[in-house]
């Protein structure tokens, strides 16, 4: 009986580690997107609308990856 409880606890920890690893990529991606967007705005302020729209689109895609990463440990 103790072996089953240990196995259940181990599976829960593996899911948490899996999400932690899945959150690293989108976190780095969001940092790159907004860092480069800030540089682009500094270089060409007249293109602010287009740059900001592309930033938001990239941010949404990166966050979608994070949300998929949080769902996967529950599915598998």
PDB file of N, CA and C in Angstrom:
ATOM      1  N   UNK A   1       0.827  -1.190   0.000  1.00  0.00           N
ATOM      2  CA  UNK A   1       0.000   0.000   0.000  1.00  0.00           C
ATOM      3  C   UNK A   1       0.870   1.252   0.000  1.00  0.00           C
ATOM      4  N   UNK A   2       1.959   1.229   0.728  1.00  0.00           N
ATOM      5  CA  UNK A   2       2.846   2.392   0.783  1.00  0.00           C
ATOM      6  C   UNK A   2       3.498   2.640  -0.574  1.00  0.00           C
ATOM      7  N   UNK A   3       3.730   1.566  -1.326  1.00  0.00           N
ATOM      8  CA  UNK A   3       4.344   1.728  -2.648  1.00  0.00           C
ATOM      9  C   UNK A   3       3.411   2.479  -3.588  1.00  0.00           C
ATOM     10  N   UNK A   4       2.104   2.243  -3.499  1.00  0.00           N
ATOM     11  CA  UNK A   4       1.141   2.936  -4.358  1.00  0.00           C
ATOM     12  C   UNK A   4       1.081   4.422  -4.012  1.00  0.00           C
ATOM     13  N   UNK A   5       1.138   4.736  -2.718  1.00  0.00           N
ATOM     14  CA  UNK A   5       1.121   6.141  -2.308  1.00  0.00           C
ATOM     15  C   UNK A   5       2.387   6.857  -2.779  1.00  0.00           C
ATOM     16  N   UNK A   6       3.510   6.169  -2.687  1.00  0.00           N
ATOM     17  CA  UNK A   6       4.765   6.756  -3.157  1.00  0.00           C
ATOM     18  C   UNK A   6       4.722   6.985  -4.656  1.00  0.00           C
ATOM     19  N   UNK A   7       4.179   6.033  -5.397  1.00  0.00           N
ATOM     20  CA  UNK A   7       4.071   6.165  -6.846  1.00  0.00           C
ATOM     21  C   UNK A   7       3.147   7.318  -7.222  1.00  0.00           C
ATOM     22  N   UNK A   8       2.042   7.481  -6.512  1.00  0.00           N
ATOM     23  CA  UNK A   8       1.119   8.583  -6.788  1.00  0.00           C
ATOM     24  C   UNK A   8       1.780   9.928  -6.501  1.00  0.00           C
ATOM     25  N   UNK A   9       2.534  10.006  -5.422  1.00  0.00           N
ATOM     26  CA  UNK A   9       3.232  11.256  -5.101  1.00  0.00           C
ATOM     27  C   UNK A   9       4.300  11.562  -6.143  1.00  0.00           C
ATOM     28  N   UNK A  10       4.979  10.537  -6.615  1.00  0.00           N
ATOM     29  CA  UNK A  10       6.016  10.725  -7.627  1.00  0.00           C
ATOM     30  C   UNK A  10       5.419  11.203  -8.942  1.00  0.00           C
ATOM     31  N   UNK A  11       4.282  10.655  -9.332  1.00  0.00           N
ATOM     32  CA  UNK A  11       3.638  11.079 -10.576  1.00  0.00           C
ATOM     33  C   UNK A  11       3.192  12.534 -10.495  1.00  0.00           C
ATOM     34  N   UNK A  12       2.716  12.973  -9.355  1.00  0.00           N
ATOM     35  CA  UNK A  12       2.331  14.375  -9.192  1.00  0.00           C
ATOM     36  C   UNK A  12       3.527  15.302  -9.310  1.00  0.00           C
ATOM     37  N   UNK A  13       4.656  14.894  -8.748  1.00  0.00           N
ATOM     38  CA  UNK A  13       5.864  15.716  -8.841  1.00  0.00           C
ATOM     39  C   UNK A  13       6.400  15.763 -10.260  1.00  0.00           C
ATOM     40  N   UNK A  14       6.289  14.681 -10.988  1.00  0.00           N
ATOM     41  CA  UNK A  14       6.752  14.666 -12.376  1.00  0.00           C
ATOM     42  C   UNK A  14       5.915  15.619 -13.221  1.00  0.00           C
ATOM     43  N   UNK A  15       4.613  15.696 -12.948  1.00  0.00           N
ATOM     44  CA  UNK A  15       3.760  16.645 -13.671  1.00  0.00           C
ATOM     45  C   UNK A  15       4.168  18.079 -13.399  1.00  0.00           C
ATOM     46  N   UNK A  16       4.521  18.381 -12.160  1.00  0.00           N
ATOM     47  CA  UNK A  16       4.947  19.744 -11.817  1.00  0.00           C
ATOM     48  C   UNK A  16       6.267  20.088 -12.492  1.00  0.00           C
ATOM     49  N   UNK A  17       7.179  19.141 -12.533  1.00  0.00           N
ATOM     50  CA  UNK A  17       8.454  19.374 -13.215  1.00  0.00           C
ATOM     51  C   UNK A  17       8.223  19.546 -14.709  1.00  0.00           C
ATOM     52  N   UNK A  18       7.308  18.769 -15.265  1.00  0.00           N
ATOM     53  CA  UNK A  18       6.991  18.897 -16.689  1.00  0.00           C
ATOM     54  C   UNK A  18       6.455  20.269 -17.025  1.00  0.00           C
ATOM     55  N   UNK A  19       5.576  20.798 -16.190  1.00  0.00           N
ATOM     56  CA  UNK A  19       5.065  22.142 -16.462  1.00  0.00           C
ATOM     57  C   UNK A  19       6.153  23.183 -16.268  1.00  0.00           C
ATOM     58  N   UNK A  20       7.002  22.998 -15.288  1.00  0.00           N
ATOM     59  CA  UNK A  20       8.103  23.947 -15.091  1.00  0.00           C
ATOM     60  C   UNK A  20       9.002  24.022 -16.307  1.00  0.00           C
ATOM     61  N   UNK A  21       9.304  22.870 -16.885  1.00  0.00           N
ATOM     62  CA  UNK A  21      10.110  22.859 -18.105  1.00  0.00           C
ATOM     63  C   UNK A  21       9.348  23.457 -19.279  1.00  0.00           C
ATOM     64  N   UNK A  22       8.042  23.225 -19.329  1.00  0.00           N
ATOM     65  CA  UNK A  22       7.240  23.769 -20.427  1.00  0.00           C
ATOM     66  C   UNK A  22       7.083  25.276 -20.313  1.00  0.00           C
ATOM     67  N   UNK A  23       7.220  25.843 -19.139  1.00  0.00           N
ATOM     68  CA  UNK A  23       7.064  27.289 -18.956  1.00  0.00           C
ATOM     69  C   UNK A  23       8.342  28.059 -19.251  1.00  0.00           C
ATOM     70  N   UNK A  24       9.468  27.372 -19.318  1.00  0.00           N
ATOM     71  CA  UNK A  24      10.733  28.060 -19.580  1.00  0.00           C
ATOM     72  C   UNK A  24      10.748  28.653 -20.986  1.00  0.00           C
ATOM     73  N   UNK A  25      10.354  27.870 -21.976  1.00  0.00           N
ATOM     74  CA  UNK A  25      10.385  28.335 -23.367  1.00  0.00           C
ATOM     75  C   UNK A  25       9.522  29.565 -23.612  1.00  0.00           C
ATOM     76  N   UNK A  26       8.243  29.526 -23.231  1.00  0.00           N
ATOM     77  CA  UNK A  26       7.422  30.724 -23.422  1.00  0.00           C
ATOM     78  C   UNK A  26       7.915  31.925 -22.621  1.00  0.00           C
ATOM     79  N   UNK A  27       8.476  31.697 -21.454  1.00  0.00           N
ATOM     80  CA  UNK A  27       9.006  32.816 -20.674  1.00  0.00           C
ATOM     81  C   UNK A  27      10.159  33.505 -21.385  1.00  0.00           C
ATOM     82  N   UNK A  28      11.055  32.715 -21.942  1.00  0.00           N
ATOM     83  CA  UNK A  28      12.165  33.279 -22.707  1.00  0.00           C
ATOM     84  C   UNK A  28      11.638  33.951 -23.971  1.00  0.00           C
ATOM     85  N   UNK A  29      10.667  33.313 -24.617  1.00  0.00           N
ATOM     86  CA  UNK A  29      10.100  33.875 -25.843  1.00  0.00           C
ATOM     87  C   UNK A  29       9.444  35.226 -25.622  1.00  0.00           C
ATOM     88  N   UNK A  30       8.709  35.364 -24.540  1.00  0.00           N
ATOM     89  CA  UNK A  30       8.053  36.642 -24.238  1.00  0.00           C
ATOM     90  C   UNK A  30       9.103  37.718 -23.976  1.00  0.00           C
ATOM     91  N   UNK A  31      10.162  37.364 -23.284  1.00  0.00           N
ATOM     92  CA  UNK A  31      11.233  38.329 -23.042  1.00  0.00           C
ATOM     93  C   UNK A  31      11.891  38.791 -24.328  1.00  0.00           C
ATOM     94  N   UNK A  32      12.128  37.863 -25.238  1.00  0.00           N
ATOM     95  CA  UNK A  32      12.733  38.220 -26.524  1.00  0.00           C
ATOM     96  C   UNK A  32      11.791  39.093 -27.336  1.00  0.00           C
ATOM     97  N   UNK A  33      10.511  38.743 -27.356  1.00  0.00           N
ATOM     98  CA  UNK A  33       9.533  39.508 -28.137  1.00  0.00           C
ATOM     99  C   UNK A  33       9.474  40.955 -27.663  1.00  0.00           C
ATOM    100  N   UNK A  34       9.320  41.167 -26.365  1.00  0.00           N
ATOM    101  CA  UNK A  34       9.173  42.532 -25.872  1.00  0.00           C
ATOM    102  C   UNK A  34      10.499  43.289 -25.877  1.00  0.00           C
ATOM    103  N   UNK A  35      11.615  42.590 -25.706  1.00  0.00           N
ATOM    104  CA  UNK A  35      12.916  43.254 -25.801  1.00  0.00           C
ATOM    105  C   UNK A  35      13.175  43.772 -27.207  1.00  0.00           C
ATOM    106  N   UNK A  36      12.929  42.916 -28.200  1.00  0.00           N
ATOM    107  CA  UNK A  36      13.126  43.343 -29.583  1.00  0.00           C
ATOM    108  C   UNK A  36      12.082  44.363 -30.006  1.00  0.00           C
ATOM    109  N   UNK A  37      10.883  44.258 -29.478  1.00  0.00           N
ATOM    110  CA  UNK A  37       9.859  45.256 -29.785  1.00  0.00           C
ATOM    111  C   UNK A  37      10.228  46.627 -29.255  1.00  0.00           C
ATOM    112  N   UNK A  38      10.816  46.661 -28.069  1.00  0.00           N
ATOM    113  CA  UNK A  38      11.261  47.933 -27.502  1.00  0.00           C
ATOM    114  C   UNK A  38      12.378  48.541 -28.343  1.00  0.00           C
ATOM    115  N   UNK A  39      13.298  47.710 -28.808  1.00  0.00           N
ATOM    116  CA  UNK A  39      14.358  48.208 -29.684  1.00  0.00           C
ATOM    117  C   UNK A  39      13.786  48.729 -30.998  1.00  0.00           C
ATOM    118  N   UNK A  40      12.815  48.020 -31.550  1.00  0.00           N
ATOM    119  CA  UNK A  40      12.208  48.455 -32.808  1.00  0.00           C
ATOM    120  C   UNK A  40      11.466  49.773 -32.630  1.00  0.00           C
ATOM    121  N   UNK A  41      10.781  49.945 -31.512  1.00  0.00           N
ATOM    122  CA  UNK A  41      10.085  51.210 -31.247  1.00  0.00           C
ATOM    123  C   UNK A  41      11.069  52.362 -31.071  1.00  0.00           C
ATOM    124  N   UNK A  42      12.226  52.082 -30.496  1.00  0.00           N
ATOM    125  CA  UNK A  42      13.228  53.132 -30.328  1.00  0.00           C
ATOM    126  C   UNK A  42      13.820  53.543 -31.672  1.00  0.00           C
ATOM    127  N   UNK A  43      13.944  52.586 -32.587  1.00  0.00           N
ATOM    128  CA  UNK A  43      14.527  52.896 -33.895  1.00  0.00           C
ATOM    129  C   UNK A  43      13.529  53.546 -34.843  1.00  0.00           C
ATOM    130  N   UNK A  44      12.282  53.080 -34.816  1.00  0.00           N
ATOM    131  CA  UNK A  44      11.265  53.598 -35.738  1.00  0.00           C
ATOM    132  C   UNK A  44       9.974  53.892 -34.982  1.00  0.00           C
ATOM    133  N   UNK A  45       9.894  55.013 -34.314  1.00  0.00           N
ATOM    134  CA  UNK A  45       8.682  55.329 -33.548  1.00  0.00           C
ATOM    135  C   UNK A  45       7.444  55.517 -34.421  1.00  0.00           C
ATOM    136  N   UNK A  46       7.630  55.846 -35.691  1.00  0.00           N
ATOM    137  CA  UNK A  46       6.474  56.052 -36.570  1.00  0.00           C
ATOM    138  C   UNK A  46       5.750  54.746 -36.897  1.00  0.00           C
ATOM    139  N   UNK A  47       6.394  53.613 -36.701  1.00  0.00           N
ATOM    140  CA  UNK A  47       5.777  52.316 -36.972  1.00  0.00           C
ATOM    141  C   UNK A  47       5.251  51.673 -35.692  1.00  0.00           C
ATOM    142  N   UNK A  48       4.908  52.475 -34.705  1.00  0.00           N
ATOM    143  CA  UNK A  48       4.520  51.948 -33.392  1.00  0.00           C
ATOM    144  C   UNK A  48       3.291  51.053 -33.466  1.00  0.00           C
ATOM    145  N   UNK A  49       2.299  51.416 -34.270  1.00  0.00           N
ATOM    146  CA  UNK A  49       1.081  50.610 -34.349  1.00  0.00           C
ATOM    147  C   UNK A  49       1.342  49.210 -34.877  1.00  0.00           C
ATOM    148  N   UNK A  50       2.112  49.116 -35.943  1.00  0.00           N
ATOM    149  CA  UNK A  50       2.426  47.812 -36.535  1.00  0.00           C
ATOM    150  C   UNK A  50       3.303  46.976 -35.604  1.00  0.00           C
ATOM    151  N   UNK A  51       4.282  47.625 -35.003  1.00  0.00           N
ATOM    152  CA  UNK A  51       5.187  46.900 -34.100  1.00  0.00           C
ATOM    153  C   UNK A  51       4.420  46.373 -32.894  1.00  0.00           C
ATOM    154  N   UNK A  52       3.561  47.213 -32.321  1.00  0.00           N
ATOM    155  CA  UNK A  52       2.809  46.794 -31.139  1.00  0.00           C
ATOM    156  C   UNK A  52       1.842  45.660 -31.477  1.00  0.00           C
ATOM    157  N   UNK A  53       1.222  45.711 -32.655  1.00  0.00           N
ATOM    158  CA  UNK A  53       0.310  44.633 -33.059  1.00  0.00           C
ATOM    159  C   UNK A  53       1.066  43.316 -33.204  1.00  0.00           C
ATOM    160  N   UNK A  54       2.252  43.370 -33.791  1.00  0.00           N
ATOM    161  CA  UNK A  54       3.048  42.152 -33.934  1.00  0.00           C
ATOM    162  C   UNK A  54       3.543  41.643 -32.585  1.00  0.00           C
ATOM    163  N   UNK A  55       3.836  42.553 -31.667  1.00  0.00           N
ATOM    164  CA  UNK A  55       4.236  42.141 -30.317  1.00  0.00           C
ATOM    165  C   UNK A  55       3.107  41.380 -29.630  1.00  0.00           C
ATOM    166  N   UNK A  56       1.916  41.914 -29.719  1.00  0.00           N
ATOM    167  CA  UNK A  56       0.778  41.286 -29.042  1.00  0.00           C
ATOM    168  C   UNK A  56       0.468  39.925 -29.657  1.00  0.00           C
ATOM    169  N   UNK A  57       0.581  39.816 -30.973  1.00  0.00           N
ATOM    170  CA  UNK A  57       0.349  38.527 -31.635  1.00  0.00           C
ATOM    171  C   UNK A  57       1.393  37.495 -31.196  1.00  0.00           C
ATOM    172  N   UNK A  58       2.650  37.889 -31.170  1.00  0.00           N
ATOM    173  CA  UNK A  58       3.703  36.980 -30.713  1.00  0.00           C
ATOM    174  C   UNK A  58       3.537  36.589 -29.256  1.00  0.00           C
ATOM    175  N   UNK A  59       3.126  37.551 -28.431  1.00  0.00           N
ATOM    176  CA  UNK A  59       2.879  37.273 -27.018  1.00  0.00           C
ATOM    177  C   UNK A  59       1.764  36.246 -26.856  1.00  0.00           C
ATOM    178  N   UNK A  60       0.701  36.392 -27.655  1.00  0.00           N
ATOM    179  CA  UNK A  60      -0.422  35.450 -27.569  1.00  0.00           C
ATOM    180  C   UNK A  60       0.018  34.043 -27.950  1.00  0.00           C
ATOM    181  N   UNK A  61       0.840  33.923 -28.990  1.00  0.00           N
ATOM    182  CA  UNK A  61       1.317  32.597 -29.389  1.00  0.00           C
ATOM    183  C   UNK A  61       2.212  31.981 -28.316  1.00  0.00           C
ATOM    184  N   UNK A  62       3.078  32.774 -27.712  1.00  0.00           N
ATOM    185  CA  UNK A  62       3.946  32.253 -26.649  1.00  0.00           C
ATOM    186  C   UNK A  62       3.140  31.816 -25.432  1.00  0.00           C
ATOM    187  N   UNK A  63       2.151  32.597 -25.063  1.00  0.00           N
ATOM    188  CA  UNK A  63       1.331  32.233 -23.916  1.00  0.00           C
ATOM    189  C   UNK A  63       0.459  31.019 -24.216  1.00  0.00           C
ATOM    190  N   UNK A  64       0.072  30.842 -25.471  1.00  0.00           N
ATOM    191  CA  UNK A  64      -0.677  29.636 -25.838  1.00  0.00           C
ATOM    192  C   UNK A  64       0.178  28.400 -25.603  1.00  0.00           C
ATOM    193  N   UNK A  65       1.467  28.493 -25.897  1.00  0.00           N
ATOM    194  CA  UNK A  65       2.361  27.365 -25.621  1.00  0.00           C
ATOM    195  C   UNK A  65       2.429  27.068 -24.126  1.00  0.00           C
ATOM    196  N   UNK A  66       2.434  28.109 -23.307  1.00  0.00           N
ATOM    197  CA  UNK A  66       2.456  27.901 -21.856  1.00  0.00           C
ATOM    198  C   UNK A  66       1.164  27.243 -21.379  1.00  0.00           C
ATOM    199  N   UNK A  67       0.042  27.652 -21.941  1.00  0.00           N
ATOM    200  CA  UNK A  67      -1.234  27.044 -21.548  1.00  0.00           C
ATOM    201  C   UNK A  67      -1.315  25.587 -21.996  1.00  0.00           C
ATOM    202  N   UNK A  68      -0.797  25.292 -23.167  1.00  0.00           N
ATOM    203  CA  UNK A  68      -0.751  23.896 -23.614  1.00  0.00           C
ATOM    204  C   UNK A  68       0.142  23.094 -22.675  1.00  0.00           C
ATOM    205  N   UNK A  69       1.243  23.703 -22.239  1.00  0.00           N
ATOM    206  CA  UNK A  69       2.149  23.028 -21.317  1.00  0.00           C
ATOM    207  C   UNK A  69       1.516  22.736 -19.973  1.00  0.00           C
ATOM    208  N   UNK A  70       0.603  23.593 -19.514  1.00  0.00           N
ATOM    209  CA  UNK A  70      -0.036  23.344 -18.217  1.00  0.00           C
ATOM    210  C   UNK A  70      -1.112  22.265 -18.335  1.00  0.00           C
ATOM    211  N   UNK A  71      -1.665  22.066 -19.517  1.00  0.00           N
ATOM    212  CA  UNK A  71      -2.721  21.071 -19.708  1.00  0.00           C
ATOM    213  C   UNK A  71      -2.136  19.674 -19.923  1.00  0.00           C
ATOM    214  N   UNK A  72      -0.999  19.580 -20.577  1.00  0.00           N
ATOM    215  CA  UNK A  72      -0.441  18.279 -20.943  1.00  0.00           C
ATOM    216  C   UNK A  72      -0.176  17.338 -19.764  1.00  0.00           C
ATOM    217  N   UNK A  73       0.345  17.806 -18.620  1.00  0.00           N
ATOM    218  CA  UNK A  73       0.526  16.844 -17.520  1.00  0.00           C
ATOM    219  C   UNK A  73      -0.785  16.231 -17.030  1.00  0.00           C
ATOM    220  N   UNK A  74      -1.899  16.938 -17.202  1.00  0.00           N
ATOM    221  CA  UNK A  74      -3.180  16.385 -16.778  1.00  0.00           C
ATOM    222  C   UNK A  74      -3.731  15.397 -17.798  1.00  0.00           C
ATOM    223  N   UNK A  75      -3.373  15.574 -19.057  1.00  0.00           N
ATOM    224  CA  UNK A  75      -3.888  14.704 -20.117  1.00  0.00           C
ATOM    225  C   UNK A  75      -3.133  13.381 -20.135  1.00  0.00           C
ATOM    226  N   UNK A  76      -1.808  13.446 -20.017  1.00  0.00           N
ATOM    227  CA  UNK A  76      -1.001  12.221 -20.134  1.00  0.00           C
ATOM    228  C   UNK A  76      -0.481  11.788 -18.803  1.00  0.00           C
TER     229      UNK A  76
END
